[in-house]
Amino acid sequence: MKRWALITVFLYMLILLALSVPVVLVTFHKWPWVKQEADIHLGDAFQMYQEWSYWVWLGIMGLGQALLLLAPVSMAQRRLPARRPLLIPTVTSAFFLANLFLWGIVSIGCAIFNEGALEIFKFIGEAVFNDDLYTILTKKVLGFTISTPNGIEYTFGATATVAVLWLVWAVIFFLFAKTDDPDALIKRATKWLLRGSILELLVAVPSHIIVRHRDTCCAPFATFWGITTGLSVMLLCFGPGVFFLFVERFSRLQPTSLDPAQSAETAKTP
């Protein structure tokens, strides 16, 4: 059954690879209603495959799909999962719910305040991050200190916000799902993620159209990330369903084995 899970993860990542360029072209094309002069072409879109951050994102999404399939694999192998394995899909679902919630709110903020909505990340980053902490981290990881780059507050603020929302959604999801059996837990997780991704897309897409109609710089990238998050999580939700289709097909192709006692009695019959 692990093979079918790996096939499901591979297909999911393959779909993300195939959709990346079309989504970038559609979201950043110079449509007639767009005021920005910048336009993206096919060659520009393919350049994102050269960015390490793109492959990090793809790896995170693939890992998330694999973690969501842990409980279905155990059920398909006729093993009742313990509570510890069920904790992994719970934490994974909470992570994606946190991202959907965050980028949905950011998309709305960009539609109203343009780039001003992103200043919340800088505020949070400056509140919990300082030069001494940055020096300690760079010394420990890199072995030497470097000057604080521009924009580190935004990155750290966004990371800290996701971490807090991750914890909040993990508690909420655990309170709702702590009494669920494995099958009900997976159904609840996929239902929440699917509904959340659709709702987030209903917010992010109009927000992206609004900010692209204005002459802004960073806001379209924020709403684009909202669209990317919604589409990725929505496709992620189909993973368990696709896996169970594989398992059902596999079980139909397998020959039905006879009971050992029945086989011995059949052998004695002339």
Protein backbone atom coordinates (compact mmCIF):
# COMPACT_ATOMS: atom_id res chain seq x y z
CA MET A 1 0.00 0.00 0.00
CA LYS A 2 2.94 2.31 0.54
CA ARG A 3 3.59 2.10 -3.18
CA TRP A 4 0.14 3.50 -3.94
CA ALA A 5 0.71 6.28 -1.42
CA LEU A 6 3.98 7.18 -3.14
CA ILE A 7 2.20 7.17 -6.50
CA THR A 8 -0.43 9.54 -5.08
CA VAL A 9 2.23 11.93 -3.77
CA PHE A 10 4.08 11.77 -7.09
CA LEU A 11 0.92 12.58 -9.06
CA TYR A 12 0.15 15.47 -6.74
CA MET A 13 3.60 17.00 -7.17
CA LEU A 14 3.43 16.40 -10.92
CA ILE A 15 0.14 18.33 -11.09
CA LEU A 16 1.68 21.21 -9.14
CA LEU A 17 4.64 21.25 -11.54
CA ALA A 18 2.33 21.30 -14.56
CA LEU A 19 0.09 24.06 -13.18
CA SER A 20 2.84 26.38 -11.94
CA VAL A 21 3.61 28.09 -15.25
CA PRO A 22 -0.04 28.54 -16.36
CA VAL A 23 -1.00 30.02 -12.97
CA VAL A 24 1.91 32.47 -13.06
CA LEU A 25 1.06 33.52 -16.63
CA VAL A 26 -2.63 34.02 -15.86
CA THR A 27 -2.08 35.94 -12.63
CA PHE A 28 0.67 38.25 -13.92
CA HIS A 29 -0.30 38.68 -17.57
CA LYS A 30 -0.86 42.26 -18.73
CA TRP A 31 -4.61 42.09 -19.16
CA PRO A 32 -6.43 45.15 -20.63
CA TRP A 33 -7.75 46.17 -17.22
CA VAL A 34 -4.30 46.06 -15.59
CA LYS A 35 -2.66 49.45 -15.01
CA GLN A 36 0.81 48.05 -14.34
CA GLU A 37 3.22 48.19 -17.25
CA ALA A 38 5.09 45.05 -16.18
CA ASP A 39 4.17 41.90 -18.08
CA ILE A 40 5.39 38.34 -17.69
CA HIS A 41 6.13 36.08 -20.61
CA LEU A 42 6.51 32.33 -20.99
CA GLY A 43 10.28 32.43 -20.61
CA ASP A 44 9.99 34.52 -17.44
CA ALA A 45 7.55 32.02 -15.96
CA PHE A 46 9.86 29.08 -16.63
CA GLN A 47 12.66 30.85 -14.77
CA MET A 48 10.95 30.10 -11.46
CA TYR A 49 12.11 26.48 -11.85
CA GLN A 50 15.62 27.82 -11.28
CA GLU A 51 14.69 29.29 -7.90
CA TRP A 52 15.49 27.19 -4.83
CA SER A 53 12.49 28.64 -3.01
CA TYR A 54 10.15 27.09 -5.59
CA TRP A 55 11.52 23.61 -4.90
CA VAL A 56 11.31 24.19 -1.16
CA TRP A 57 7.61 25.03 -1.58
CA LEU A 58 7.07 21.97 -3.78
CA GLY A 59 8.85 19.77 -1.24
CA ILE A 60 6.72 21.11 1.61
CA MET A 61 3.51 20.43 -0.31
CA GLY A 62 4.67 16.91 -1.21
CA LEU A 63 5.63 16.22 2.39
CA GLY A 64 2.24 17.49 3.55
CA GLN A 65 0.48 15.13 1.14
CA ALA A 66 2.59 12.22 2.38
CA LEU A 67 1.84 13.00 6.03
CA LEU A 68 -1.90 13.17 5.34
CA LEU A 69 -1.70 9.69 3.82
CA LEU A 70 -0.15 8.03 6.90
CA ALA A 71 -3.49 7.14 8.50
CA PRO A 72 -5.13 5.99 5.22
CA VAL A 73 -2.17 3.68 4.58
CA SER A 74 -2.56 2.13 8.04
CA MET A 75 -6.29 1.65 7.49
CA ALA A 76 -5.72 0.11 4.07
CA GLN A 77 -3.30 -2.37 5.65
CA ARG A 78 -6.02 -3.35 8.12
CA ARG A 79 -4.13 -1.89 11.06
CA LEU A 80 -5.94 0.34 13.51
CA PRO A 81 -3.73 3.45 13.86
CA ALA A 82 -2.69 4.48 17.33
CA ARG A 83 -3.33 8.00 18.57
CA ARG A 84 0.25 9.05 17.88
CA PRO A 85 0.03 8.43 14.11
CA LEU A 86 -3.29 10.28 14.09
CA LEU A 87 -1.53 13.26 15.64
CA ILE A 88 0.53 13.72 12.46
CA PRO A 89 -2.47 14.30 10.12
CA THR A 90 -3.92 16.62 12.77
CA VAL A 91 -0.79 18.77 12.95
CA THR A 92 -0.42 18.71 9.15
CA SER A 93 -4.02 19.83 8.61
CA ALA A 94 -3.56 22.60 11.17
CA PHE A 95 -0.49 23.87 9.30
CA PHE A 96 -2.37 24.22 6.02
CA LEU A 97 -5.44 25.70 7.73
CA ALA A 98 -3.17 28.31 9.33
CA ASN A 99 -1.74 29.27 5.93
CA LEU A 100 -5.17 29.44 4.32
CA PHE A 101 -6.45 31.68 7.10
CA LEU A 102 -3.39 33.94 7.06
CA TRP A 103 -3.21 34.52 3.31
CA GLY A 104 -6.95 34.95 3.08
CA ILE A 105 -6.74 37.79 5.61
CA VAL A 106 -3.65 39.24 3.90
CA SER A 107 -5.43 39.18 0.52
CA ILE A 108 -8.35 41.14 1.96
CA GLY A 109 -5.94 43.56 3.57
CA CYS A 110 -4.08 44.11 0.30
CA ALA A 111 -7.36 44.80 -1.50
CA ILE A 112 -8.15 47.50 1.07
CA PHE A 113 -4.77 48.91 2.12
CA ASN A 114 -2.45 47.85 -0.75
CA GLU A 115 1.11 47.28 0.53
CA GLY A 116 0.12 48.71 3.89
CA ALA A 117 -1.41 45.37 4.78
CA LEU A 118 2.07 43.79 4.74
CA GLU A 119 3.36 46.22 7.36
CA ILE A 120 1.85 43.97 10.03
CA PHE A 121 4.58 41.45 9.27
CA LYS A 122 7.25 44.11 9.77
CA PHE A 123 5.65 45.18 13.04
CA ILE A 124 5.55 41.62 14.36
CA GLY A 125 9.09 40.94 13.12
CA GLU A 126 10.47 44.01 14.86
CA ALA A 127 8.57 43.13 18.06
CA VAL A 128 9.97 39.61 18.42
CA PHE A 129 13.24 39.91 16.52
CA ASN A 130 16.29 42.00 17.30
CA ASP A 131 19.88 42.32 16.14
CA ASP A 132 21.25 40.29 19.06
CA LEU A 133 19.01 37.34 18.24
CA TYR A 134 19.91 37.61 14.56
CA THR A 135 23.62 37.62 15.42
CA ILE A 136 23.24 34.53 17.59
CA LEU A 137 21.35 32.65 14.88
CA THR A 138 23.81 33.51 12.13
CA LYS A 139 26.79 32.64 14.32
CA LYS A 140 25.29 29.29 15.23
CA VAL A 141 24.15 28.35 11.73
CA LEU A 142 26.70 30.04 9.47
CA GLY A 143 29.64 30.38 11.84
CA PHE A 144 29.93 34.13 11.26
CA THR A 145 27.78 37.21 11.61
CA ILE A 146 26.41 39.24 8.73
CA SER A 147 24.62 42.51 8.64
CA THR A 148 20.84 42.31 8.91
CA PRO A 149 19.43 42.32 5.35
CA ASN A 150 16.51 44.46 4.31
CA GLY A 151 13.20 42.74 4.67
CA ILE A 152 14.26 40.22 7.33
CA GLU A 153 11.59 41.66 9.63
CA TYR A 154 8.89 40.84 7.09
CA THR A 155 10.12 37.26 6.68
CA PHE A 156 10.46 36.65 10.38
CA GLY A 157 7.11 38.32 11.08
CA ALA A 158 5.33 36.12 8.52
CA THR A 159 7.01 33.00 9.92
CA ALA A 160 6.08 33.91 13.48
CA THR A 161 2.48 34.60 12.44
CA VAL A 162 2.18 31.23 10.70
CA ALA A 163 3.63 29.51 13.78
CA VAL A 164 1.09 31.13 16.12
CA LEU A 165 -1.84 30.40 13.80
CA TRP A 166 -0.54 26.84 13.39
CA LEU A 167 -0.74 26.33 17.15
CA VAL A 168 -4.21 27.88 17.35
CA TRP A 169 -5.61 25.74 14.54
CA ALA A 170 -3.96 22.62 15.97
CA VAL A 171 -5.80 23.17 19.26
CA ILE A 172 -9.09 23.88 17.47
CA PHE A 173 -8.78 20.83 15.22
CA PHE A 174 -7.75 18.60 18.13
CA LEU A 175 -10.78 19.63 20.19
CA PHE A 176 -13.09 18.73 17.32
CA ALA A 177 -11.33 15.54 16.26
CA LYS A 178 -10.00 14.01 19.49
CA THR A 179 -12.87 11.51 19.66
CA ASP A 180 -12.89 10.68 15.95
CA ASP A 181 -11.98 7.25 14.65
CA PRO A 182 -9.24 7.21 11.98
CA ASP A 183 -11.65 7.23 9.03
CA ALA A 184 -13.70 10.11 10.46
CA LEU A 185 -10.54 12.08 11.25
CA ILE A 186 -9.28 11.90 7.66
CA LYS A 187 -12.72 12.87 6.33
CA ARG A 188 -12.90 15.79 8.74
CA ALA A 189 -9.40 16.98 7.78
CA THR A 190 -10.04 16.86 4.04
CA LYS A 191 -13.46 18.49 4.47
CA TRP A 192 -12.04 21.39 6.47
CA LEU A 193 -9.13 21.86 4.09
CA LEU A 194 -11.31 21.70 0.98
CA ARG A 195 -13.84 24.18 2.34
CA GLY A 196 -11.08 26.44 3.61
CA SER A 197 -9.24 26.43 0.29
CA ILE A 198 -12.38 27.23 -1.69
CA LEU A 199 -13.26 30.07 0.68
CA GLU A 200 -9.70 31.38 0.53
CA LEU A 201 -9.75 31.34 -3.28
CA LEU A 202 -13.05 33.23 -3.28
CA VAL A 203 -11.22 35.93 -1.35
CA ALA A 204 -7.79 35.83 -2.98
CA VAL A 205 -8.88 35.89 -6.63
CA PRO A 206 -11.02 39.07 -6.42
CA SER A 207 -8.36 40.68 -4.21
CA HIS A 208 -5.71 39.91 -6.83
CA ILE A 209 -7.86 41.46 -9.56
CA ILE A 210 -8.32 44.59 -7.43
CA VAL A 211 -4.62 45.08 -6.64
CA ARG A 212 -3.60 44.38 -10.23
CA HIS A 213 -5.97 47.16 -11.29
CA ARG A 214 -3.86 49.54 -9.19
CA ASP A 215 -0.28 50.67 -9.68
CA THR A 216 1.17 48.76 -6.73
CA CYS A 217 4.37 46.78 -6.29
CA CYS A 218 4.21 44.12 -3.54
CA ALA A 219 0.48 43.62 -3.06
CA PRO A 220 0.01 41.50 -6.24
CA PHE A 221 2.67 39.06 -5.01
CA ALA A 222 0.84 38.69 -1.69
CA THR A 223 -2.51 37.98 -3.35
CA PHE A 224 -0.77 35.69 -5.84
CA TRP A 225 0.59 33.68 -2.92
CA GLY A 226 -2.96 33.54 -1.58
CA ILE A 227 -4.14 32.03 -4.87
CA THR A 228 -1.20 29.61 -4.89
CA THR A 229 -1.94 28.47 -1.34
CA GLY A 230 -5.64 27.96 -2.07
CA LEU A 231 -5.04 25.95 -5.25
CA SER A 232 -2.29 23.82 -3.69
CA VAL A 233 -4.33 22.91 -0.62
CA MET A 234 -7.46 22.26 -2.67
CA LEU A 235 -5.56 19.75 -4.82
CA LEU A 236 -4.00 18.32 -1.66
CA CYS A 237 -7.45 17.36 -0.39
CA PHE A 238 -7.96 14.89 -3.23
CA GLY A 239 -4.92 12.84 -2.20
CA PRO A 240 -6.65 10.53 0.32
CA GLY A 241 -9.56 10.00 -2.08
CA VAL A 242 -7.22 9.10 -4.95
CA PHE A 243 -5.31 6.75 -2.65
CA PHE A 244 -8.46 4.87 -1.66
CA LEU A 245 -9.37 4.53 -5.35
CA PHE A 246 -5.97 2.89 -5.92
CA VAL A 247 -6.53 0.57 -2.96
CA GLU A 248 -10.03 -0.38 -4.10
CA ARG A 249 -8.77 -1.12 -7.60
CA PHE A 250 -5.88 -3.15 -6.19
CA SER A 251 -8.19 -5.21 -3.97
CA ARG A 252 -10.41 -6.02 -6.95
CA LEU A 253 -7.45 -7.23 -8.98
CA GLN A 254 -6.15 -9.44 -6.17
CA PRO A 255 -7.42 -13.05 -6.29
CA THR A 256 -9.65 -14.01 -3.38
CA SER A 257 -7.75 -16.34 -1.06
CA LEU A 258 -9.53 -19.35 0.41
CA ASP A 259 -9.63 -20.10 4.11
CA PRO A 260 -6.95 -22.71 5.04
CA ALA A 261 -9.54 -25.11 6.54
CA GLN A 262 -11.71 -24.75 3.45
CA SER A 263 -8.70 -25.37 1.22
CA ALA A 264 -7.79 -28.59 3.11
CA GLU A 265 -11.39 -29.85 2.88
CA THR A 266 -11.44 -29.07 -0.85
CA ALA A 267 -8.21 -30.99 -1.33
CA LYS A 268 -9.65 -34.12 0.37
CA THR A 269 -12.72 -34.11 -1.85
CA PRO A 270 -12.24 -36.56 -4.78
